C-alpha atoms as a PDB file:
ATOM      1  CA  UNK A   1     227.079 143.725 230.323  1.00  0.00           C
ATOM      2  CA  UNK A   2     228.070 147.057 231.798  1.00  0.00           C
ATOM      3  CA  UNK A   3     228.520 148.247 235.338  1.00  0.00           C
ATOM      4  CA  UNK A   4     225.973 149.923 237.570  1.00  0.00           C
ATOM      5  CA  UNK A   5     224.254 153.131 236.591  1.00  0.00           C
ATOM      6  CA  UNK A   6     224.335 156.418 238.456  1.00  0.00           C
ATOM      7  CA  UNK A   7     223.015 159.882 237.777  1.00  0.00           C
ATOM      8  CA  UNK A   8     225.316 161.727 240.211  1.00  0.00           C
ATOM      9  CA  UNK A   9     228.267 163.358 238.464  1.00  0.00           C
ATOM     10  CA  UNK A  10     229.805 164.676 241.709  1.00  0.00           C
ATOM     11  CA  UNK A  11     230.700 161.295 243.203  1.00  0.00           C
ATOM     12  CA  UNK A  12     232.670 158.331 241.935  1.00  0.00           C
ATOM     13  CA  UNK A  13     234.776 160.559 239.718  1.00  0.00           C
ATOM     14  CA  UNK A  14     238.486 160.027 239.081  1.00  0.00           C
ATOM     15  CA  UNK A  15     241.504 162.032 240.211  1.00  0.00           C
ATOM     16  CA  UNK A  16     243.270 161.464 236.904  1.00  0.00           C
ATOM     17  CA  UNK A  17     243.803 158.793 234.264  1.00  0.00           C
ATOM     18  CA  UNK A  18     246.103 156.776 236.540  1.00  0.00           C
ATOM     19  CA  UNK A  19     243.390 156.601 239.189  1.00  0.00           C
ATOM     20  CA  UNK A  20     240.829 155.680 236.534  1.00  0.00           C
ATOM     21  CA  UNK A  21     243.122 152.954 235.212  1.00  0.00           C
ATOM     22  CA  UNK A  22     243.608 151.465 238.668  1.00  0.00           C
ATOM     23  CA  UNK A  23     239.888 151.424 239.335  1.00  0.00           C
ATOM     24  CA  UNK A  24     239.201 149.976 235.911  1.00  0.00           C
ATOM     25  CA  UNK A  25     241.736 147.232 236.625  1.00  0.00           C
ATOM     26  CA  UNK A  26     239.889 146.466 239.880  1.00  0.00           C
ATOM     27  CA  UNK A  27     236.582 146.199 238.004  1.00  0.00           C
ATOM     28  CA  UNK A  28     238.149 143.850 235.459  1.00  0.00           C
ATOM     29  CA  UNK A  29     239.581 141.721 238.245  1.00  0.00           C
ATOM     30  CA  UNK A  30     236.192 141.501 239.939  1.00  0.00           C
ATOM     31  CA  UNK A  31     234.674 140.362 236.655  1.00  0.00           C
ATOM     32  CA  UNK A  32     237.458 137.784 236.108  1.00  0.00           C
ATOM     33  CA  UNK A  33     238.044 139.118 232.612  1.00  0.00           C
ATOM     34  CA  UNK A  34     240.565 136.875 230.868  1.00  0.00           C
ATOM     35  CA  UNK A  35     242.518 138.389 227.968  1.00  0.00           C
ATOM     36  CA  UNK A  36     245.735 137.904 226.035  1.00  0.00           C
ATOM     37  CA  UNK A  37     246.674 141.536 225.378  1.00  0.00           C
ATOM     38  CA  UNK A  38     245.628 145.070 226.312  1.00  0.00           C
ATOM     39  CA  UNK A  39     245.191 147.479 223.401  1.00  0.00           C
ATOM     40  CA  UNK A  40     244.956 151.121 224.451  1.00  0.00           C
ATOM     41  CA  UNK A  41     243.462 153.825 222.241  1.00  0.00           C
ATOM     42  CA  UNK A  42     246.031 156.659 222.120  1.00  0.00           C
ATOM     43  CA  UNK A  43     246.599 159.063 223.465  1.00  0.00           C
ATOM     44  CA  UNK A  44     244.276 159.268 226.458  1.00  0.00           C
ATOM     45  CA  UNK A  45     243.821 155.529 226.799  1.00  0.00           C
ATOM     46  CA  UNK A  46     247.494 154.736 227.339  1.00  0.00           C
ATOM     47  CA  UNK A  47     247.841 155.775 231.008  1.00  0.00           C
ATOM     48  CA  UNK A  48     244.838 153.566 231.810  1.00  0.00           C
ATOM     49  CA  UNK A  49     246.092 150.802 229.547  1.00  0.00           C
ATOM     50  CA  UNK A  50     249.434 150.735 231.385  1.00  0.00           C
ATOM     51  CA  UNK A  51     247.698 150.352 234.755  1.00  0.00           C
ATOM     52  CA  UNK A  52     245.371 147.630 233.447  1.00  0.00           C
ATOM     53  CA  UNK A  53     248.130 145.716 231.674  1.00  0.00           C
ATOM     54  CA  UNK A  54     250.394 145.783 234.732  1.00  0.00           C
ATOM     55  CA  UNK A  55     247.583 144.747 237.086  1.00  0.00           C
ATOM     56  CA  UNK A  56     246.534 141.837 234.888  1.00  0.00           C
ATOM     57  CA  UNK A  57     250.060 140.827 233.870  1.00  0.00           C
ATOM     58  CA  UNK A  58     249.397 141.371 230.165  1.00  0.00           C
ATOM     59  CA  UNK A  59     251.363 142.967 227.327  1.00  0.00           C
ATOM     60  CA  UNK A  60     250.318 146.470 226.256  1.00  0.00           C
ATOM     61  CA  UNK A  61     250.042 147.742 222.708  1.00  0.00           C
ATOM     62  CA  UNK A  62     247.887 150.242 220.839  1.00  0.00           C
ATOM     63  CA  UNK A  63     244.926 150.154 218.518  1.00  0.00           C
ATOM     64  CA  UNK A  64     244.457 153.355 216.574  1.00  0.00           C
ATOM     65  CA  UNK A  65     241.284 154.898 215.249  1.00  0.00           C
ATOM     66  CA  UNK A  66     240.620 158.538 214.441  1.00  0.00           C
ATOM     67  CA  UNK A  67     237.237 160.201 214.683  1.00  0.00           C
ATOM     68  CA  UNK A  68     235.539 161.840 211.713  1.00  0.00           C
ATOM     69  CA  UNK A  69     234.225 165.232 212.785  1.00  0.00           C
ATOM     70  CA  UNK A  70     231.147 167.010 211.511  1.00  0.00           C
ATOM     71  CA  UNK A  71     231.502 169.764 208.871  1.00  0.00           C
ATOM     72  CA  UNK A  72     232.357 172.969 210.713  1.00  0.00           C
ATOM     73  CA  UNK A  73     232.398 171.162 214.080  1.00  0.00           C
ATOM     74  CA  UNK A  74     235.343 168.738 214.151  1.00  0.00           C
ATOM     75  CA  UNK A  75     234.815 167.881 217.830  1.00  0.00           C
ATOM     76  CA  UNK A  76     231.397 166.378 217.081  1.00  0.00           C
ATOM     77  CA  UNK A  77     232.060 162.815 215.937  1.00  0.00           C
ATOM     78  CA  UNK A  78     229.939 161.437 213.118  1.00  0.00           C
ATOM     79  CA  UNK A  79     232.083 158.339 212.710  1.00  0.00           C
ATOM     80  CA  UNK A  80     235.619 157.042 213.023  1.00  0.00           C
ATOM     81  CA  UNK A  81     238.182 155.308 210.855  1.00  0.00           C
ATOM     82  CA  UNK A  82     240.814 152.780 211.902  1.00  0.00           C
ATOM     83  CA  UNK A  83     244.431 152.654 210.795  1.00  0.00           C
ATOM     84  CA  UNK A  84     243.589 150.043 208.142  1.00  0.00           C
ATOM     85  CA  UNK A  85     241.016 152.382 206.556  1.00  0.00           C
ATOM     86  CA  UNK A  86     237.932 150.571 207.856  1.00  0.00           C
ATOM     87  CA  UNK A  87     235.298 153.037 209.034  1.00  0.00           C
ATOM     88  CA  UNK A  88     232.255 153.155 211.274  1.00  0.00           C
ATOM     89  CA  UNK A  89     229.742 155.866 210.402  1.00  0.00           C
ATOM     90  CA  UNK A  90     226.894 157.157 212.549  1.00  0.00           C
ATOM     91  CA  UNK A  91     224.099 157.425 209.998  1.00  0.00           C
ATOM     92  CA  UNK A  92     221.812 159.413 212.296  1.00  0.00           C
ATOM     93  CA  UNK A  93     224.514 161.946 213.108  1.00  0.00           C
ATOM     94  CA  UNK A  94     225.508 162.217 209.444  1.00  0.00           C
ATOM     95  CA  UNK A  95     221.924 162.971 208.466  1.00  0.00           C
ATOM     96  CA  UNK A  96     221.578 165.450 211.337  1.00  0.00           C
ATOM     97  CA  UNK A  97     224.586 167.523 210.228  1.00  0.00           C
ATOM     98  CA  UNK A  98     224.033 167.068 206.504  1.00  0.00           C
ATOM     99  CA  UNK A  99     227.471 165.665 205.689  1.00  0.00           C
ATOM    100  CA  UNK A 100     227.836 164.812 201.999  1.00  0.00           C
ATOM    101  CA  UNK A 101     229.259 161.595 200.576  1.00  0.00           C
ATOM    102  CA  UNK A 102     232.216 163.558 199.170  1.00  0.00           C
ATOM    103  CA  UNK A 103     232.937 165.056 202.586  1.00  0.00           C
ATOM    104  CA  UNK A 104     232.767 161.637 204.273  1.00  0.00           C
ATOM    105  CA  UNK A 105     235.104 160.016 201.769  1.00  0.00           C
ATOM    106  CA  UNK A 106     237.593 162.872 201.959  1.00  0.00           C
ATOM    107  CA  UNK A 107     237.605 162.824 205.763  1.00  0.00           C
ATOM    108  CA  UNK A 108     237.780 159.027 205.865  1.00  0.00           C
ATOM    109  CA  UNK A 109     240.935 159.063 203.745  1.00  0.00           C
ATOM    110  CA  UNK A 110     242.505 161.878 205.746  1.00  0.00           C
ATOM    111  CA  UNK A 111     241.782 160.373 209.145  1.00  0.00           C
ATOM    112  CA  UNK A 112     242.878 156.901 208.036  1.00  0.00           C
ATOM    113  CA  UNK A 113     246.239 158.383 207.084  1.00  0.00           C
ATOM    114  CA  UNK A 114     246.432 160.170 210.444  1.00  0.00           C
ATOM    115  CA  UNK A 115     245.698 156.900 212.227  1.00  0.00           C
ATOM    116  CA  UNK A 116     248.336 155.025 210.211  1.00  0.00           C
ATOM    117  CA  UNK A 117     250.966 157.671 210.931  1.00  0.00           C
ATOM    118  CA  UNK A 118     250.159 157.659 214.652  1.00  0.00           C
ATOM    119  CA  UNK A 119     250.412 153.870 214.817  1.00  0.00           C
ATOM    120  CA  UNK A 120     253.791 153.940 213.066  1.00  0.00           C
ATOM    121  CA  UNK A 121     255.095 156.747 215.280  1.00  0.00           C
ATOM    122  CA  UNK A 122     254.089 155.038 218.497  1.00  0.00           C
ATOM    123  CA  UNK A 123     255.314 151.568 217.590  1.00  0.00           C
ATOM    124  CA  UNK A 124     258.593 152.644 216.049  1.00  0.00           C
ATOM    125  CA  UNK A 125     260.510 149.526 215.078  1.00  0.00           C
ATOM    126  CA  UNK A 126     258.220 147.138 216.938  1.00  0.00           C
ATOM    127  CA  UNK A 127     256.019 144.803 214.930  1.00  0.00           C
ATOM    128  CA  UNK A 128     252.248 145.043 215.052  1.00  0.00           C
ATOM    129  CA  UNK A 129     250.893 142.435 217.497  1.00  0.00           C
ATOM    130  CA  UNK A 130     249.375 139.254 216.123  1.00  0.00           C
ATOM    131  CA  UNK A 131     245.735 139.219 217.241  1.00  0.00           C
ATOM    132  CA  UNK A 132     244.704 136.021 215.463  1.00  0.00           C
ATOM    133  CA  UNK A 133     242.695 133.824 217.810  1.00  0.00           C
ATOM    134  CA  UNK A 134     243.360 136.137 220.769  1.00  0.00           C
ATOM    135  CA  UNK A 135     241.105 137.766 223.335  1.00  0.00           C
ATOM    136  CA  UNK A 136     241.879 141.482 223.230  1.00  0.00           C
ATOM    137  CA  UNK A 137     241.025 144.062 225.849  1.00  0.00           C
ATOM    138  CA  UNK A 138     240.506 147.527 224.346  1.00  0.00           C
ATOM    139  CA  UNK A 139     240.954 150.357 226.867  1.00  0.00           C
ATOM    140  CA  UNK A 140     240.191 154.078 226.646  1.00  0.00           C
ATOM    141  CA  UNK A 141     239.703 156.883 229.182  1.00  0.00           C
ATOM    142  CA  UNK A 142     235.947 157.041 228.546  1.00  0.00           C
ATOM    143  CA  UNK A 143     233.394 157.088 225.754  1.00  0.00           C
ATOM    144  CA  UNK A 144     231.023 159.809 224.570  1.00  0.00           C
ATOM    145  CA  UNK A 145     229.646 158.795 221.169  1.00  0.00           C
ATOM    146  CA  UNK A 146     231.693 155.585 221.134  1.00  0.00           C
ATOM    147  CA  UNK A 147     232.672 156.036 217.493  1.00  0.00           C
ATOM    148  CA  UNK A 148     236.408 155.560 218.064  1.00  0.00           C
ATOM    149  CA  UNK A 149     235.895 152.531 220.297  1.00  0.00           C
ATOM    150  CA  UNK A 150     233.548 150.908 217.782  1.00  0.00           C
ATOM    151  CA  UNK A 151     236.063 151.441 214.968  1.00  0.00           C
ATOM    152  CA  UNK A 152     238.731 149.890 217.209  1.00  0.00           C
ATOM    153  CA  UNK A 153     236.540 146.856 217.919  1.00  0.00           C
ATOM    154  CA  UNK A 154     235.981 146.312 214.209  1.00  0.00           C
ATOM    155  CA  UNK A 155     239.694 146.683 213.475  1.00  0.00           C
ATOM    156  CA  UNK A 156     240.533 144.074 216.124  1.00  0.00           C
ATOM    157  CA  UNK A 157     238.087 141.665 214.517  1.00  0.00           C
ATOM    158  CA  UNK A 158     239.562 142.386 211.076  1.00  0.00           C
ATOM    159  CA  UNK A 159     242.953 141.459 212.539  1.00  0.00           C
ATOM    160  CA  UNK A 160     241.579 138.074 213.611  1.00  0.00           C
ATOM    161  CA  UNK A 161     240.743 138.598 217.282  1.00  0.00           C
ATOM    162  CA  UNK A 162     238.519 135.794 218.539  1.00  0.00           C
ATOM    163  CA  UNK A 163     237.021 137.803 221.396  1.00  0.00           C
ATOM    164  CA  UNK A 164     236.945 141.576 221.984  1.00  0.00           C
ATOM    165  CA  UNK A 165     236.336 143.172 225.384  1.00  0.00           C
ATOM    166  CA  UNK A 166     236.009 146.939 225.782  1.00  0.00           C
ATOM    167  CA  UNK A 167     236.915 148.493 229.146  1.00  0.00           C
ATOM    168  CA  UNK A 168     236.267 152.172 229.863  1.00  0.00           C
ATOM    169  CA  UNK A 169     235.719 153.903 233.206  1.00  0.00           C
ATOM    170  CA  UNK A 170     232.718 155.996 232.204  1.00  0.00           C
ATOM    171  CA  UNK A 171     230.126 156.487 229.481  1.00  0.00           C
ATOM    172  CA  UNK A 172     226.441 157.259 228.850  1.00  0.00           C
ATOM    173  CA  UNK A 173     223.914 154.390 228.708  1.00  0.00           C
ATOM    174  CA  UNK A 174     223.138 154.715 224.988  1.00  0.00           C
ATOM    175  CA  UNK A 175     226.813 154.531 224.027  1.00  0.00           C
ATOM    176  CA  UNK A 176     227.451 151.558 226.305  1.00  0.00           C
ATOM    177  CA  UNK A 177     224.482 149.833 224.660  1.00  0.00           C
ATOM    178  CA  UNK A 178     226.001 150.514 221.219  1.00  0.00           C
ATOM    179  CA  UNK A 179     229.330 149.084 222.367  1.00  0.00           C
ATOM    180  CA  UNK A 180     227.665 145.987 223.786  1.00  0.00           C
ATOM    181  CA  UNK A 181     226.182 145.376 220.344  1.00  0.00           C
ATOM    182  CA  UNK A 182     229.702 145.448 218.833  1.00  0.00           C
ATOM    183  CA  UNK A 183     231.969 143.864 221.459  1.00  0.00           C
ATOM    184  CA  UNK A 184     231.719 140.503 223.184  1.00  0.00           C
ATOM    185  CA  UNK A 185     231.799 142.197 226.578  1.00  0.00           C
ATOM    186  CA  UNK A 186     231.860 145.765 227.908  1.00  0.00           C
ATOM    187  CA  UNK A 187     233.161 146.711 231.339  1.00  0.00           C
ATOM    188  CA  UNK A 188     232.175 150.254 232.330  1.00  0.00           C
ATOM    189  CA  UNK A 189     232.054 150.874 236.087  1.00  0.00           C
ATOM    190  CA  UNK A 190     230.357 154.256 235.734  1.00  0.00           C
ATOM    191  CA  UNK A 191     227.358 154.296 233.383  1.00  0.00           C
ATOM    192  CA  UNK A 192     225.491 157.558 233.857  1.00  0.00           C
ATOM    193  CA  UNK A 193     222.803 159.479 231.988  1.00  0.00           C
ATOM    194  CA  UNK A 194     224.111 162.709 233.571  1.00  0.00           C
ATOM    195  CA  UNK A 195     226.813 162.812 230.927  1.00  0.00           C
ATOM    196  CA  UNK A 196     228.098 165.921 229.158  1.00  0.00           C
ATOM    197  CA  UNK A 197     231.621 164.775 228.355  1.00  0.00           C
ATOM    198  CA  UNK A 198     234.328 162.418 229.569  1.00  0.00           C
ATOM    199  CA  UNK A 199     236.346 165.227 231.139  1.00  0.00           C
ATOM    200  CA  UNK A 200     233.628 166.109 233.657  1.00  0.00           C
ATOM    201  CA  UNK A 201     234.408 162.893 235.553  1.00  0.00           C
ATOM    202  CA  UNK A 202     238.094 163.720 236.044  1.00  0.00           C
ATOM    203  CA  UNK A 203     239.650 166.222 238.439  1.00  0.00           C
ATOM    204  CA  UNK A 204     242.689 166.300 236.150  1.00  0.00           C
ATOM    205  CA  UNK A 205     242.000 165.676 232.464  1.00  0.00           C
ATOM    206  CA  UNK A 206     245.005 167.335 230.882  1.00  0.00           C
ATOM    207  CA  UNK A 207     245.874 166.229 227.371  1.00  0.00           C
ATOM    208  CA  UNK A 208     248.391 163.391 227.157  1.00  0.00           C
ATOM    209  CA  UNK A 209     251.337 164.343 224.944  1.00  0.00           C
ATOM    210  CA  UNK A 210     252.750 161.996 222.318  1.00  0.00           C
ATOM    211  CA  UNK A 211     255.943 161.701 224.357  1.00  0.00           C
ATOM    212  CA  UNK A 212     254.045 160.741 227.512  1.00  0.00           C
ATOM    213  CA  UNK A 213     251.879 158.282 225.603  1.00  0.00           C
ATOM    214  CA  UNK A 214     254.885 156.568 224.026  1.00  0.00           C
ATOM    215  CA  UNK A 215     256.564 156.328 227.433  1.00  0.00           C
ATOM    216  CA  UNK A 216     253.546 154.441 228.783  1.00  0.00           C
ATOM    217  CA  UNK A 217     253.707 152.132 225.784  1.00  0.00           C
ATOM    218  CA  UNK A 218     257.402 151.393 226.297  1.00  0.00           C
ATOM    219  CA  UNK A 219     256.987 151.128 230.092  1.00  0.00           C
ATOM    220  CA  UNK A 220     259.437 153.965 230.712  1.00  0.00           C
ATOM    221  CA  UNK A 221     257.174 155.921 233.070  1.00  0.00           C
END
C-alpha cells in the first residue's frame, strides 16, 4: 500500500535528494519495513539510498535498469531493461508511439549493455550482492512511468529475492498502482495526481554525476 494522496504540488516538496532520502527513511521507519539490503537505482537513487541505508542500519548496493525511450523521443519511456537483459515493456505506450519489433529489440540490447557497463563501473572490484532469500528495498528519487523500477523489481526476483519492497518519495497514482502489482510492498509518501515530472517536487534536482553516485555507494561522502 502507498502513502496518502495529495493534489497540491507546492507543499510537501523536497529541498534535495538528501532531504527526500531522510523523509523516505522516516516513512519506512513508521511502517516498520524490515529488509536485508537497500538497492538504489543509479544515479539519482543513490543519495536517497545512502540516507535510507544509514537510517535503517542496512548495507547499500545498486540495482541497474535502463529505460527504453520512444523513437524520436528518448525521454519518453516505453519500457526498461535490467543489467541481465530482462525487459519490461509498456504495451500501451509502444502501440501509442508505433515502435516496431526491430526497434524494441535493438534498443533492448543497447540499453542492457549500458546497464551492465554501469553496474560494473559502480561496483568496481566488489562482488554482486547475493539476494537469494533476502528482503530487498529498492530506492529511487521518484517514479514517473515506473518502467525502470518495475524492471528493477523483476531483476531482484530473478536474482532470488524472497520479498521486494519499493520505496520512492513521490509518484502519480497510476504508476504507484502498477508498482504495487509488481512489488510486495510500495512505500511512497507523496502520491499525487498533480504530477508532471519528478523534478517538480524538488527545489534542487541537479543531475547526480557518476563520481558523486559512486561516492555514496562507497560511503565516502
